[in-house]
């Protein structure tokens, strides 16, 4: 009998907390902050020109520390280097 009463009280508290959480979430909808995004001009073929300034040295690129599954659903980028 005491276990049944205890279970009912705990489940009631959980239900009330979930209801409050639901109502609180619907009262203040999430909004994206447009200040963190920027438009990047693309070439007509969809490519992007990138210029690295003030770099006289060879750039070392290492991807050895990346999770092997990080790019399994990604289309590879074609990179062309022009001097």
N, C-alpha and C. Protein backbone atom coordinates (compact mmCIF):
# COMPACT_ATOMS: atom_id res chain seq x y z
N UNK A 1 0.82 -1.19 0.00
CA UNK A 1 0.00 0.00 0.00
C UNK A 1 0.86 1.26 0.00
N UNK A 2 1.91 1.28 0.84
CA UNK A 2 2.79 2.44 0.89
C UNK A 2 3.56 2.59 -0.42
N UNK A 3 3.96 1.46 -1.03
CA UNK A 3 4.69 1.52 -2.30
C UNK A 3 3.79 2.09 -3.39
N UNK A 4 2.54 1.71 -3.41
CA UNK A 4 1.60 2.22 -4.40
C UNK A 4 1.41 3.73 -4.25
N UNK A 5 1.28 4.22 -3.03
CA UNK A 5 1.12 5.65 -2.78
C UNK A 5 2.39 6.40 -3.18
N UNK A 6 3.54 5.86 -2.84
CA UNK A 6 4.82 6.48 -3.20
C UNK A 6 4.97 6.57 -4.72
N UNK A 7 4.65 5.50 -5.43
CA UNK A 7 4.75 5.49 -6.89
C UNK A 7 3.81 6.52 -7.50
N UNK A 8 2.60 6.63 -6.99
CA UNK A 8 1.65 7.61 -7.51
C UNK A 8 2.14 9.03 -7.30
N UNK A 9 2.73 9.29 -6.13
CA UNK A 9 3.25 10.64 -5.84
C UNK A 9 4.41 10.98 -6.78
N UNK A 10 5.34 10.05 -6.96
CA UNK A 10 6.50 10.29 -7.83
C UNK A 10 6.06 10.50 -9.27
N UNK A 11 5.15 9.67 -9.75
CA UNK A 11 4.67 9.82 -11.12
C UNK A 11 3.89 11.13 -11.30
N UNK A 12 3.17 11.56 -10.31
CA UNK A 12 2.45 12.84 -10.38
C UNK A 12 3.43 14.00 -10.45
N UNK A 13 4.50 13.95 -9.66
CA UNK A 13 5.51 15.01 -9.70
C UNK A 13 6.18 15.06 -11.06
N UNK A 14 6.49 13.91 -11.63
CA UNK A 14 7.11 13.85 -12.97
C UNK A 14 6.15 14.42 -14.01
N UNK A 15 4.87 14.06 -13.92
CA UNK A 15 3.88 14.55 -14.89
C UNK A 15 3.73 16.07 -14.80
N UNK A 16 3.71 16.60 -13.58
CA UNK A 16 3.59 18.05 -13.41
C UNK A 16 4.83 18.75 -13.97
N UNK A 17 6.01 18.20 -13.69
CA UNK A 17 7.25 18.81 -14.20
C UNK A 17 7.29 18.78 -15.73
N UNK A 18 6.88 17.69 -16.34
CA UNK A 18 6.84 17.62 -17.80
C UNK A 18 5.84 18.59 -18.39
N UNK A 19 4.70 18.75 -17.75
CA UNK A 19 3.69 19.70 -18.23
C UNK A 19 4.20 21.13 -18.14
N UNK A 20 4.85 21.47 -17.03
CA UNK A 20 5.41 22.82 -16.88
C UNK A 20 6.48 23.06 -17.94
N UNK A 21 7.32 22.06 -18.18
CA UNK A 21 8.36 22.18 -19.19
C UNK A 21 7.76 22.36 -20.59
N UNK A 22 6.71 21.66 -20.89
CA UNK A 22 6.04 21.79 -22.18
C UNK A 22 5.44 23.18 -22.35
N UNK A 23 4.77 23.67 -21.32
CA UNK A 23 4.15 24.99 -21.41
C UNK A 23 5.20 26.09 -21.48
N UNK A 24 6.29 25.93 -20.77
CA UNK A 24 7.36 26.93 -20.81
C UNK A 24 7.99 26.98 -22.20
N UNK A 25 8.17 25.82 -22.83
CA UNK A 25 8.76 25.78 -24.16
C UNK A 25 7.87 26.38 -25.23
N UNK A 26 6.56 26.22 -25.09
CA UNK A 26 5.64 26.77 -26.09
C UNK A 26 5.42 28.27 -25.90
N UNK A 27 5.68 28.78 -24.71
CA UNK A 27 5.48 30.21 -24.45
C UNK A 27 6.60 31.05 -25.04
N UNK A 28 7.81 30.52 -25.09
CA UNK A 28 8.96 31.25 -25.63
C UNK A 28 9.58 30.44 -26.77
N UNK A 29 9.11 30.62 -28.00
CA UNK A 29 9.64 29.84 -29.11
C UNK A 29 11.10 30.20 -29.41
N UNK A 30 11.84 29.22 -29.88
CA UNK A 30 13.24 29.45 -30.23
C UNK A 30 13.32 30.25 -31.52
N UNK A 31 14.27 31.17 -31.58
CA UNK A 31 14.46 31.98 -32.77
C UNK A 31 15.93 31.97 -33.15
N UNK A 32 16.20 31.88 -34.42
CA UNK A 32 17.58 31.91 -34.90
C UNK A 32 18.10 33.34 -34.88
N UNK A 33 19.35 33.48 -34.55
CA UNK A 33 19.99 34.79 -34.53
C UNK A 33 20.66 35.00 -35.88
N UNK A 34 20.16 35.93 -36.67
CA UNK A 34 20.68 36.17 -38.00
C UNK A 34 22.03 36.85 -38.03
N UNK A 35 22.56 37.25 -36.91
CA UNK A 35 23.83 37.96 -36.88
C UNK A 35 25.03 37.06 -37.10
N UNK A 36 24.84 35.76 -36.98
CA UNK A 36 25.97 34.85 -37.08
C UNK A 36 26.12 34.24 -38.48
N UNK A 37 25.35 34.68 -39.44
CA UNK A 37 25.40 34.11 -40.77
C UNK A 37 25.83 35.16 -41.78
N UNK A 38 26.49 34.73 -42.83
CA UNK A 38 26.95 35.65 -43.84
C UNK A 38 26.75 35.00 -45.21
N UNK A 39 26.44 35.80 -46.20
CA UNK A 39 26.31 35.29 -47.57
C UNK A 39 27.68 35.29 -48.23
N UNK A 40 27.98 34.23 -48.93
CA UNK A 40 29.26 34.11 -49.63
C UNK A 40 28.98 34.08 -51.12
N UNK A 41 29.63 34.96 -51.89
CA UNK A 41 29.39 34.96 -53.33
C UNK A 41 30.02 33.72 -53.99
N UNK A 42 29.24 33.03 -54.78
CA UNK A 42 29.72 31.85 -55.50
C UNK A 42 29.85 32.18 -56.98
N UNK A 43 30.73 31.47 -57.64
CA UNK A 43 30.86 31.58 -59.09
C UNK A 43 29.65 30.92 -59.74
N UNK A 44 29.38 31.23 -61.02
CA UNK A 44 28.22 30.64 -61.69
C UNK A 44 28.20 29.11 -61.66
N UNK A 45 29.39 28.48 -61.62
CA UNK A 45 29.43 27.02 -61.59
C UNK A 45 29.32 26.45 -60.17
N UNK A 46 29.13 27.31 -59.18
CA UNK A 46 28.98 26.87 -57.81
C UNK A 46 30.29 26.81 -57.03
N UNK A 47 31.40 27.16 -57.65
CA UNK A 47 32.68 27.13 -56.96
C UNK A 47 32.89 28.40 -56.16
N UNK A 48 33.90 28.40 -55.33
CA UNK A 48 34.19 29.52 -54.44
C UNK A 48 35.66 29.85 -54.57
N UNK A 49 35.97 31.12 -54.83
CA UNK A 49 37.37 31.55 -54.92
C UNK A 49 37.88 31.89 -53.53
N UNK A 50 39.03 31.32 -53.17
CA UNK A 50 39.65 31.57 -51.88
C UNK A 50 41.06 32.06 -52.12
N UNK A 51 41.41 33.19 -51.52
CA UNK A 51 42.76 33.74 -51.63
C UNK A 51 43.39 33.77 -50.25
N UNK A 52 44.57 33.17 -50.14
CA UNK A 52 45.30 33.19 -48.87
C UNK A 52 46.38 34.24 -49.00
N UNK A 53 46.28 35.30 -48.21
CA UNK A 53 47.23 36.40 -48.28
C UNK A 53 48.28 36.26 -47.19
N UNK A 54 49.45 36.85 -47.43
CA UNK A 54 50.54 36.88 -46.46
C UNK A 54 50.99 35.49 -46.05
N UNK A 55 51.02 34.57 -46.98
CA UNK A 55 51.48 33.23 -46.67
C UNK A 55 52.62 32.88 -47.61
N UNK A 56 53.84 32.99 -47.11
CA UNK A 56 55.02 32.66 -47.91
C UNK A 56 55.44 31.21 -47.68
N UNK A 57 55.02 30.64 -46.56
CA UNK A 57 55.43 29.29 -46.21
C UNK A 57 54.46 28.26 -46.78
N UNK A 58 54.91 27.03 -46.75
CA UNK A 58 54.06 25.92 -47.17
C UNK A 58 53.08 25.64 -46.04
N UNK A 59 51.81 25.47 -46.39
CA UNK A 59 50.81 25.18 -45.38
C UNK A 59 50.74 23.68 -45.15
N UNK A 60 50.83 23.28 -43.89
CA UNK A 60 50.72 21.87 -43.55
C UNK A 60 49.26 21.58 -43.20
N UNK A 61 48.70 20.60 -43.87
CA UNK A 61 47.32 20.21 -43.62
C UNK A 61 47.34 18.77 -43.12
N UNK A 62 46.80 18.56 -41.93
CA UNK A 62 46.80 17.22 -41.35
C UNK A 62 45.39 16.88 -40.91
N UNK A 63 44.90 15.74 -41.38
CA UNK A 63 43.56 15.31 -40.98
C UNK A 63 43.64 13.98 -40.22
N UNK A 64 44.74 13.76 -39.55
CA UNK A 64 44.92 12.48 -38.86
C UNK A 64 44.09 12.38 -37.59
N UNK A 65 43.67 13.49 -37.02
CA UNK A 65 42.93 13.46 -35.76
C UNK A 65 41.42 13.49 -35.94
N UNK A 66 40.94 13.33 -37.15
CA UNK A 66 39.50 13.42 -37.40
C UNK A 66 38.88 12.02 -37.29
N UNK A 67 37.71 11.98 -36.71
CA UNK A 67 36.98 10.72 -36.59
C UNK A 67 36.76 10.13 -37.98
N UNK A 68 37.06 8.84 -38.18
CA UNK A 68 36.92 8.25 -39.52
C UNK A 68 35.50 8.29 -40.07
N UNK A 69 34.50 8.40 -39.20
CA UNK A 69 33.11 8.43 -39.67
C UNK A 69 32.57 9.84 -39.82
N UNK A 70 33.40 10.86 -39.63
CA UNK A 70 32.92 12.24 -39.67
C UNK A 70 32.44 12.65 -41.06
N UNK A 71 33.03 12.10 -42.11
CA UNK A 71 32.69 12.53 -43.46
C UNK A 71 32.09 11.41 -44.30
N UNK A 72 31.46 10.44 -43.71
CA UNK A 72 30.95 9.33 -44.50
C UNK A 72 29.74 9.69 -45.35
N UNK A 73 29.00 10.73 -45.00
CA UNK A 73 27.82 11.13 -45.77
C UNK A 73 28.03 12.46 -46.48
N UNK A 74 29.29 12.80 -46.78
CA UNK A 74 29.61 14.09 -47.36
C UNK A 74 30.19 13.90 -48.75
N UNK A 75 29.78 14.75 -49.68
CA UNK A 75 30.34 14.72 -51.03
C UNK A 75 31.70 15.42 -51.01
N UNK A 76 32.73 14.80 -51.58
CA UNK A 76 34.06 15.44 -51.57
C UNK A 76 34.08 16.74 -52.36
N UNK A 77 34.91 17.66 -51.93
CA UNK A 77 35.09 18.94 -52.62
C UNK A 77 36.23 18.81 -53.62
N UNK A 78 36.04 19.39 -54.78
CA UNK A 78 37.10 19.42 -55.76
C UNK A 78 37.95 20.67 -55.48
N UNK A 79 39.26 20.50 -55.35
CA UNK A 79 40.15 21.61 -55.05
C UNK A 79 41.11 21.81 -56.22
N UNK A 80 41.18 23.04 -56.72
CA UNK A 80 42.11 23.39 -57.78
C UNK A 80 43.05 24.46 -57.23
N UNK A 81 44.34 24.23 -57.36
CA UNK A 81 45.31 25.19 -56.88
C UNK A 81 45.89 25.92 -58.08
N UNK A 82 45.75 27.27 -58.03
CA UNK A 82 46.30 28.11 -59.11
C UNK A 82 47.34 29.03 -58.52
N UNK A 83 48.42 29.20 -59.22
CA UNK A 83 49.48 30.12 -58.78
C UNK A 83 49.35 31.45 -59.43
